[in-house]
């Protein structure tokens, strides 16, 4: 089974950026842990701060991968183009967020991509990614 983990803007700064919200662990370390936890899965990882690159990656992988775990970062709340890209592909997409966006600023309460995703997981720290993988495996 092939699963892509796709991270959007500012998630390259995990471990450095707002540790009170996002924790003090970088994503590369966590990704290695996921690879060890799921040795029978083919896990791929891509991060970009550029919306068009995220769309290109969805198009590239969205017909060959068995699932996509997607943290679109702030693009979650603004990007109809990402919603359209998710709707255009075959692979199921799980939207994830590290923090509970519903406990944060009002503008973070609305997702432009949720309606195109199979499900949404938020508020469990980096473990949100593992929970999304489990959802794809179920």
N, C-alpha and C. Protein backbone atom coordinates (compact mmCIF):
# COMPACT_ATOMS: atom_id res chain seq x y z
N UNK A 1 0.84 -1.18 0.00
CA UNK A 1 0.00 0.00 0.00
C UNK A 1 0.89 1.25 0.00
N UNK A 2 0.56 2.20 -0.87
CA UNK A 2 1.33 3.44 -0.99
C UNK A 2 0.53 4.60 -0.43
N UNK A 3 1.14 5.32 0.52
CA UNK A 3 0.49 6.48 1.13
C UNK A 3 1.44 7.67 1.06
N UNK A 4 0.91 8.79 0.60
CA UNK A 4 1.65 10.05 0.56
C UNK A 4 1.24 10.90 1.75
N UNK A 5 2.23 11.42 2.45
CA UNK A 5 1.98 12.46 3.46
C UNK A 5 2.40 13.76 2.82
N UNK A 6 1.45 14.68 2.74
CA UNK A 6 1.63 15.96 2.06
C UNK A 6 1.43 17.10 3.05
N UNK A 7 2.45 17.90 3.24
CA UNK A 7 2.40 19.02 4.17
C UNK A 7 2.52 20.34 3.43
N UNK A 8 1.73 21.30 3.85
CA UNK A 8 1.70 22.62 3.24
C UNK A 8 2.58 23.64 3.96
N UNK A 9 2.23 24.91 3.80
CA UNK A 9 3.09 26.02 4.22
C UNK A 9 3.40 26.03 5.71
N UNK A 10 4.65 26.36 5.98
CA UNK A 10 5.21 26.55 7.32
C UNK A 10 5.39 25.26 8.11
N UNK A 11 4.96 24.14 7.58
CA UNK A 11 5.14 22.88 8.30
C UNK A 11 6.57 22.37 8.22
N UNK A 12 7.38 22.98 7.36
CA UNK A 12 8.81 22.70 7.36
C UNK A 12 9.47 23.25 8.63
N UNK A 13 8.78 24.10 9.37
CA UNK A 13 9.33 24.69 10.59
C UNK A 13 8.86 23.99 11.86
N UNK A 14 8.24 22.82 11.72
CA UNK A 14 7.81 22.08 12.91
C UNK A 14 9.02 21.82 13.81
N UNK A 15 8.83 22.00 15.09
CA UNK A 15 9.91 21.86 16.06
C UNK A 15 10.52 23.19 16.42
N UNK A 16 10.33 24.18 15.53
CA UNK A 16 10.86 25.53 15.75
C UNK A 16 9.74 26.54 15.88
N UNK A 17 8.68 26.34 15.12
CA UNK A 17 7.58 27.30 15.02
C UNK A 17 6.55 27.06 16.11
N UNK A 18 6.26 28.05 16.89
CA UNK A 18 5.20 28.01 17.90
C UNK A 18 5.10 26.66 18.60
N UNK A 19 6.12 26.27 19.34
CA UNK A 19 6.09 24.95 19.99
C UNK A 19 4.92 24.75 20.94
N UNK A 20 4.36 25.83 21.47
CA UNK A 20 3.19 25.71 22.33
C UNK A 20 1.96 25.22 21.58
N UNK A 21 1.92 25.45 20.28
CA UNK A 21 0.80 25.02 19.44
C UNK A 21 1.14 23.72 18.72
N UNK A 22 2.37 23.64 18.17
CA UNK A 22 2.73 22.54 17.27
C UNK A 22 3.72 21.54 17.86
N UNK A 23 4.19 21.76 19.08
CA UNK A 23 5.14 20.85 19.69
C UNK A 23 6.57 21.19 19.32
N UNK A 24 7.49 20.46 19.88
CA UNK A 24 8.91 20.76 19.70
C UNK A 24 9.63 19.74 18.83
N UNK A 25 8.89 18.87 18.19
CA UNK A 25 9.49 17.82 17.37
C UNK A 25 9.38 18.17 15.89
N UNK A 26 10.46 17.96 15.16
CA UNK A 26 10.45 18.18 13.72
C UNK A 26 9.76 17.04 13.00
N UNK A 27 9.25 17.30 11.80
CA UNK A 27 8.50 16.27 11.07
C UNK A 27 9.39 15.16 10.55
N UNK A 28 10.62 15.47 10.18
CA UNK A 28 11.50 14.42 9.64
C UNK A 28 11.69 13.29 10.64
N UNK A 29 11.88 13.63 11.91
CA UNK A 29 12.01 12.60 12.96
C UNK A 29 10.73 11.78 13.08
N UNK A 30 9.61 12.47 13.05
CA UNK A 30 8.33 11.78 13.17
C UNK A 30 8.09 10.87 11.96
N UNK A 31 8.46 11.33 10.76
CA UNK A 31 8.29 10.51 9.56
C UNK A 31 9.09 9.22 9.66
N UNK A 32 10.31 9.30 10.18
CA UNK A 32 11.12 8.09 10.39
C UNK A 32 10.41 7.12 11.33
N UNK A 33 9.79 7.66 12.37
CA UNK A 33 9.04 6.82 13.31
C UNK A 33 7.87 6.13 12.60
N UNK A 34 7.17 6.85 11.74
CA UNK A 34 6.07 6.25 11.00
C UNK A 34 6.57 5.14 10.08
N UNK A 35 7.71 5.35 9.43
CA UNK A 35 8.26 4.32 8.55
C UNK A 35 8.61 3.06 9.34
N UNK A 36 9.12 3.20 10.54
CA UNK A 36 9.43 2.04 11.38
C UNK A 36 8.15 1.36 11.86
N UNK A 37 7.14 2.14 12.18
CA UNK A 37 5.87 1.60 12.69
C UNK A 37 5.12 0.84 11.60
N UNK A 38 5.26 1.28 10.35
CA UNK A 38 4.55 0.68 9.23
C UNK A 38 5.53 0.19 8.17
N UNK A 39 6.32 -0.86 8.48
CA UNK A 39 7.34 -1.31 7.53
C UNK A 39 6.76 -1.90 6.24
N UNK A 40 5.51 -2.33 6.26
CA UNK A 40 4.91 -2.93 5.08
C UNK A 40 4.24 -1.90 4.17
N UNK A 41 4.24 -0.63 4.59
CA UNK A 41 3.67 0.43 3.77
C UNK A 41 4.78 1.16 3.02
N UNK A 42 4.46 1.63 1.85
CA UNK A 42 5.36 2.51 1.12
C UNK A 42 4.92 3.94 1.41
N UNK A 43 5.60 4.57 2.36
CA UNK A 43 5.26 5.93 2.75
C UNK A 43 6.15 6.92 2.02
N UNK A 44 5.53 7.93 1.45
CA UNK A 44 6.27 9.02 0.79
C UNK A 44 5.90 10.31 1.50
N UNK A 45 6.82 11.27 1.46
CA UNK A 45 6.60 12.55 2.12
C UNK A 45 7.01 13.70 1.22
N UNK A 46 6.16 14.74 1.19
CA UNK A 46 6.46 15.94 0.42
C UNK A 46 5.91 17.14 1.18
N UNK A 47 6.71 18.21 1.24
CA UNK A 47 6.29 19.46 1.87
C UNK A 47 6.61 20.60 0.94
N UNK A 48 5.69 21.56 0.87
CA UNK A 48 5.94 22.77 0.09
C UNK A 48 5.19 23.94 0.71
N UNK A 49 5.79 25.11 0.58
CA UNK A 49 5.14 26.35 0.98
C UNK A 49 4.39 26.99 -0.19
N UNK A 50 4.41 26.32 -1.34
CA UNK A 50 3.85 26.87 -2.57
C UNK A 50 2.59 26.08 -2.96
N UNK A 51 1.48 26.79 -3.07
CA UNK A 51 0.20 26.15 -3.38
C UNK A 51 0.25 25.34 -4.67
N UNK A 52 0.83 25.89 -5.71
CA UNK A 52 0.89 25.19 -6.99
C UNK A 52 1.67 23.89 -6.93
N UNK A 53 2.72 23.86 -6.12
CA UNK A 53 3.49 22.62 -5.96
C UNK A 53 2.67 21.56 -5.25
N UNK A 54 1.83 21.96 -4.30
CA UNK A 54 0.95 21.01 -3.62
C UNK A 54 -0.08 20.44 -4.61
N UNK A 55 -0.62 21.30 -5.45
CA UNK A 55 -1.56 20.85 -6.48
C UNK A 55 -0.87 19.89 -7.44
N UNK A 56 0.33 20.23 -7.87
CA UNK A 56 1.07 19.34 -8.77
C UNK A 56 1.32 17.99 -8.13
N UNK A 57 1.65 17.96 -6.84
CA UNK A 57 1.91 16.68 -6.15
C UNK A 57 0.62 15.86 -6.03
N UNK A 58 -0.50 16.53 -5.76
CA UNK A 58 -1.79 15.81 -5.74
C UNK A 58 -2.06 15.18 -7.10
N UNK A 59 -1.84 15.94 -8.17
CA UNK A 59 -2.05 15.42 -9.53
C UNK A 59 -1.09 14.26 -9.84
N UNK A 60 0.15 14.41 -9.41
CA UNK A 60 1.18 13.39 -9.68
C UNK A 60 0.88 12.07 -8.97
N UNK A 61 0.44 12.14 -7.73
CA UNK A 61 0.28 10.93 -6.91
C UNK A 61 -1.16 10.46 -6.78
N UNK A 62 -2.10 11.31 -7.15
CA UNK A 62 -3.51 11.05 -6.87
C UNK A 62 -4.18 9.96 -7.65
N UNK A 63 -3.45 9.30 -8.53
CA UNK A 63 -4.03 8.19 -9.28
C UNK A 63 -3.26 6.89 -9.04
N UNK A 64 -2.10 6.99 -8.41
CA UNK A 64 -1.25 5.82 -8.19
C UNK A 64 -1.12 5.43 -6.72
N UNK A 65 -1.43 6.35 -5.82
CA UNK A 65 -1.30 6.06 -4.39
C UNK A 65 -2.64 5.60 -3.84
N UNK A 66 -2.56 4.79 -2.77
CA UNK A 66 -3.77 4.25 -2.14
C UNK A 66 -4.42 5.24 -1.19
N UNK A 67 -3.70 6.28 -0.84
CA UNK A 67 -4.26 7.30 0.02
C UNK A 67 -3.28 8.44 0.22
N UNK A 68 -3.83 9.59 0.61
CA UNK A 68 -3.03 10.78 0.86
C UNK A 68 -3.44 11.37 2.20
N UNK A 69 -2.47 11.63 3.05
CA UNK A 69 -2.67 12.31 4.33
C UNK A 69 -2.19 13.74 4.09
N UNK A 70 -3.11 14.71 4.22
CA UNK A 70 -2.83 16.07 3.77
C UNK A 70 -3.07 17.10 4.86
N UNK A 71 -1.99 17.77 5.26
CA UNK A 71 -2.08 18.93 6.14
C UNK A 71 -1.78 20.14 5.25
N UNK A 72 -2.81 20.83 4.84
CA UNK A 72 -2.65 21.95 3.92
C UNK A 72 -2.25 23.24 4.62
N UNK A 73 -2.05 23.18 5.94
CA UNK A 73 -1.68 24.39 6.67
C UNK A 73 -2.72 25.47 6.45
N UNK A 74 -2.28 26.71 6.36
CA UNK A 74 -3.20 27.84 6.20
C UNK A 74 -3.96 27.80 4.88
N UNK A 75 -3.46 27.07 3.88
CA UNK A 75 -4.21 26.95 2.63
C UNK A 75 -5.55 26.24 2.85
N UNK A 76 -5.66 25.49 3.94
CA UNK A 76 -6.92 24.83 4.28
C UNK A 76 -8.07 25.81 4.25
N UNK A 77 -7.82 27.02 4.71
CA UNK A 77 -8.89 27.99 4.94
C UNK A 77 -9.09 28.95 3.76
N UNK A 78 -8.28 28.78 2.71
CA UNK A 78 -8.34 29.76 1.61
C UNK A 78 -8.38 29.16 0.21
N UNK A 79 -8.05 27.89 0.05
CA UNK A 79 -7.76 27.40 -1.31
C UNK A 79 -8.86 26.54 -1.92
N UNK A 80 -9.60 27.16 -2.81
CA UNK A 80 -10.55 26.41 -3.63
C UNK A 80 -9.79 25.57 -4.64
N UNK A 81 -8.61 26.05 -5.07
CA UNK A 81 -7.80 25.30 -6.04
C UNK A 81 -7.38 23.95 -5.45
N UNK A 82 -7.04 23.90 -4.17
CA UNK A 82 -6.69 22.61 -3.55
C UNK A 82 -7.93 21.72 -3.45
N UNK A 83 -9.07 22.30 -3.14
CA UNK A 83 -10.31 21.50 -3.11
C UNK A 83 -10.56 20.89 -4.48
N UNK A 84 -10.42 21.70 -5.52
CA UNK A 84 -10.63 21.19 -6.88
C UNK A 84 -9.64 20.08 -7.22
N UNK A 85 -8.39 20.23 -6.80
CA UNK A 85 -7.37 19.21 -7.08
C UNK A 85 -7.70 17.90 -6.36
N UNK A 86 -8.19 17.99 -5.13
CA UNK A 86 -8.57 16.79 -4.39
C UNK A 86 -9.75 16.10 -5.07
N UNK A 87 -10.71 16.89 -5.52
CA UNK A 87 -11.88 16.31 -6.21
C UNK A 87 -11.50 15.67 -7.55
N UNK A 88 -10.42 16.15 -8.16
CA UNK A 88 -10.02 15.67 -9.48
C UNK A 88 -9.29 14.34 -9.46
N UNK A 89 -8.81 13.92 -8.28
CA UNK A 89 -8.00 12.70 -8.21
C UNK A 89 -8.81 11.52 -7.69
N UNK A 90 -8.23 10.35 -7.82
CA UNK A 90 -8.89 9.11 -7.41
C UNK A 90 -8.55 8.72 -5.96
N UNK A 91 -7.34 8.99 -5.52
CA UNK A 91 -6.89 8.58 -4.18
C UNK A 91 -7.70 9.27 -3.10
N UNK A 92 -8.13 8.53 -2.07
CA UNK A 92 -8.80 9.17 -0.94
C UNK A 92 -7.82 10.05 -0.17
N UNK A 93 -8.31 11.20 0.28
CA UNK A 93 -7.49 12.16 1.02
C UNK A 93 -8.08 12.34 2.42
N UNK A 94 -7.22 12.24 3.42
CA UNK A 94 -7.60 12.54 4.80
C UNK A 94 -6.96 13.88 5.15
N UNK A 95 -7.78 14.84 5.55
CA UNK A 95 -7.28 16.15 5.99
C UNK A 95 -6.83 16.02 7.45
N UNK A 96 -5.64 16.51 7.75
CA UNK A 96 -5.15 16.46 9.13
C UNK A 96 -4.65 17.84 9.57
N UNK A 97 -4.74 18.03 10.88
CA UNK A 97 -4.19 19.22 11.52
C UNK A 97 -3.60 18.78 12.85
N UNK A 98 -2.47 19.35 13.19
CA UNK A 98 -1.78 19.03 14.43
C UNK A 98 -2.55 19.59 15.62
N UNK A 99 -2.97 20.85 15.49
CA UNK A 99 -3.73 21.48 16.57
C UNK A 99 -5.23 21.27 16.34
N UNK A 100 -6.02 21.54 17.35
CA UNK A 100 -7.47 21.53 17.20
C UNK A 100 -7.85 22.90 16.66
N UNK A 101 -8.06 22.99 15.38
CA UNK A 101 -8.31 24.28 14.73
C UNK A 101 -9.58 24.94 15.26
N UNK A 102 -10.48 24.17 15.84
CA UNK A 102 -11.74 24.72 16.36
C UNK A 102 -11.56 25.41 17.71
N UNK A 103 -10.40 25.24 18.32
CA UNK A 103 -10.08 25.95 19.55
C UNK A 103 -9.23 27.18 19.28
N UNK A 104 -9.01 27.46 18.05
CA UNK A 104 -8.12 28.57 17.66
C UNK A 104 -8.92 29.72 17.07
N UNK A 105 -8.27 30.59 16.34
CA UNK A 105 -8.93 31.76 15.78
C UNK A 105 -10.12 31.36 14.90
N UNK A 106 -11.10 32.24 14.86
CA UNK A 106 -12.34 31.98 14.12
C UNK A 106 -12.08 31.63 12.65
N UNK A 107 -11.13 32.31 12.01
CA UNK A 107 -10.89 32.03 10.58
C UNK A 107 -10.39 30.62 10.34
N UNK A 108 -9.86 29.95 11.36
CA UNK A 108 -9.38 28.58 11.20
C UNK A 108 -10.51 27.55 11.33
N UNK A 109 -11.70 27.98 11.66
CA UNK A 109 -12.82 27.05 11.86
C UNK A 109 -13.41 26.57 10.54
N UNK A 110 -13.14 27.25 9.44
CA UNK A 110 -13.71 26.89 8.14
C UNK A 110 -12.62 26.32 7.24
N UNK A 111 -12.88 25.12 6.75
CA UNK A 111 -11.96 24.46 5.83
C UNK A 111 -12.56 24.47 4.43
N UNK A 112 -11.76 24.89 3.47
CA UNK A 112 -12.19 24.88 2.08
C UNK A 112 -11.98 23.50 1.45
N UNK A 113 -11.23 22.60 2.12
CA UNK A 113 -10.93 21.30 1.51
C UNK A 113 -11.69 20.14 2.13
N UNK A 114 -12.26 20.33 3.33
CA UNK A 114 -12.92 19.21 4.03
C UNK A 114 -13.97 18.51 3.19
N UNK A 115 -14.76 19.28 2.46
CA UNK A 115 -15.86 18.68 1.69
C UNK A 115 -15.37 17.74 0.59
N UNK A 116 -14.11 17.88 0.20
CA UNK A 116 -13.54 17.01 -0.84
C UNK A 116 -12.78 15.83 -0.25
N UNK A 117 -12.60 15.82 1.06
CA UNK A 117 -11.79 14.78 1.73
C UNK A 117 -12.66 13.66 2.28
N UNK A 118 -12.06 12.51 2.45
CA UNK A 118 -12.75 11.36 3.03
C UNK A 118 -13.08 11.61 4.49
N UNK A 119 -12.19 12.31 5.21
CA UNK A 119 -12.40 12.61 6.61
C UNK A 119 -11.40 13.64 7.09
N UNK A 120 -11.58 14.06 8.34
CA UNK A 120 -10.73 15.09 8.95
C UNK A 120 -10.32 14.62 10.34
N UNK A 121 -9.03 14.77 10.64
CA UNK A 121 -8.50 14.46 11.97
C UNK A 121 -7.72 15.68 12.44
N UNK A 122 -8.05 16.18 13.63
CA UNK A 122 -7.33 17.34 14.13
C UNK A 122 -7.21 17.29 15.65
N UNK A 123 -6.15 17.92 16.14
CA UNK A 123 -6.01 18.13 17.57
C UNK A 123 -5.23 17.09 18.33
N UNK A 124 -4.62 16.14 17.66
CA UNK A 124 -3.89 15.07 18.35
C UNK A 124 -2.38 15.20 18.17
N UNK A 125 -1.92 16.41 17.91
CA UNK A 125 -0.49 16.61 17.69
C UNK A 125 -0.04 15.86 16.45
N UNK A 126 1.22 15.49 16.42
CA UNK A 126 1.73 14.73 15.27
C UNK A 126 1.02 13.39 15.12
N UNK A 127 0.44 12.89 16.20
CA UNK A 127 -0.27 11.62 16.14
C UNK A 127 -1.47 11.69 15.19
N UNK A 128 -1.90 12.89 14.82
CA UNK A 128 -2.98 13.02 13.84
C UNK A 128 -2.62 12.31 12.53
N UNK A 129 -1.35 12.33 12.17
CA UNK A 129 -0.90 11.66 10.94
C UNK A 129 -1.05 10.15 11.07
N UNK A 130 -0.66 9.59 12.20
CA UNK A 130 -0.80 8.14 12.42
C UNK A 130 -2.26 7.74 12.38
N UNK A 131 -3.11 8.55 13.01
CA UNK A 131 -4.54 8.24 13.01
C UNK A 131 -5.11 8.27 11.59
N UNK A 132 -4.61 9.17 10.77
CA UNK A 132 -5.06 9.23 9.38
C UNK A 132 -4.60 8.00 8.60
N UNK A 133 -3.39 7.55 8.85
CA UNK A 133 -2.91 6.32 8.20
C UNK A 133 -3.80 5.15 8.62
N UNK A 134 -4.10 5.07 9.89
CA UNK A 134 -4.97 3.99 10.37
C UNK A 134 -6.34 4.04 9.70
N UNK A 135 -6.86 5.25 9.50
CA UNK A 135 -8.15 5.40 8.81
C UNK A 135 -8.07 4.90 7.38
N UNK A 136 -6.96 5.17 6.70
CA UNK A 136 -6.79 4.68 5.33
C UNK A 136 -6.64 3.16 5.29
N UNK A 137 -6.06 2.58 6.33
CA UNK A 137 -5.87 1.14 6.37
C UNK A 137 -7.18 0.39 6.68
N UNK A 138 -8.09 1.08 7.35
CA UNK A 138 -9.35 0.42 7.79
C UNK A 138 -10.27 0.13 6.62
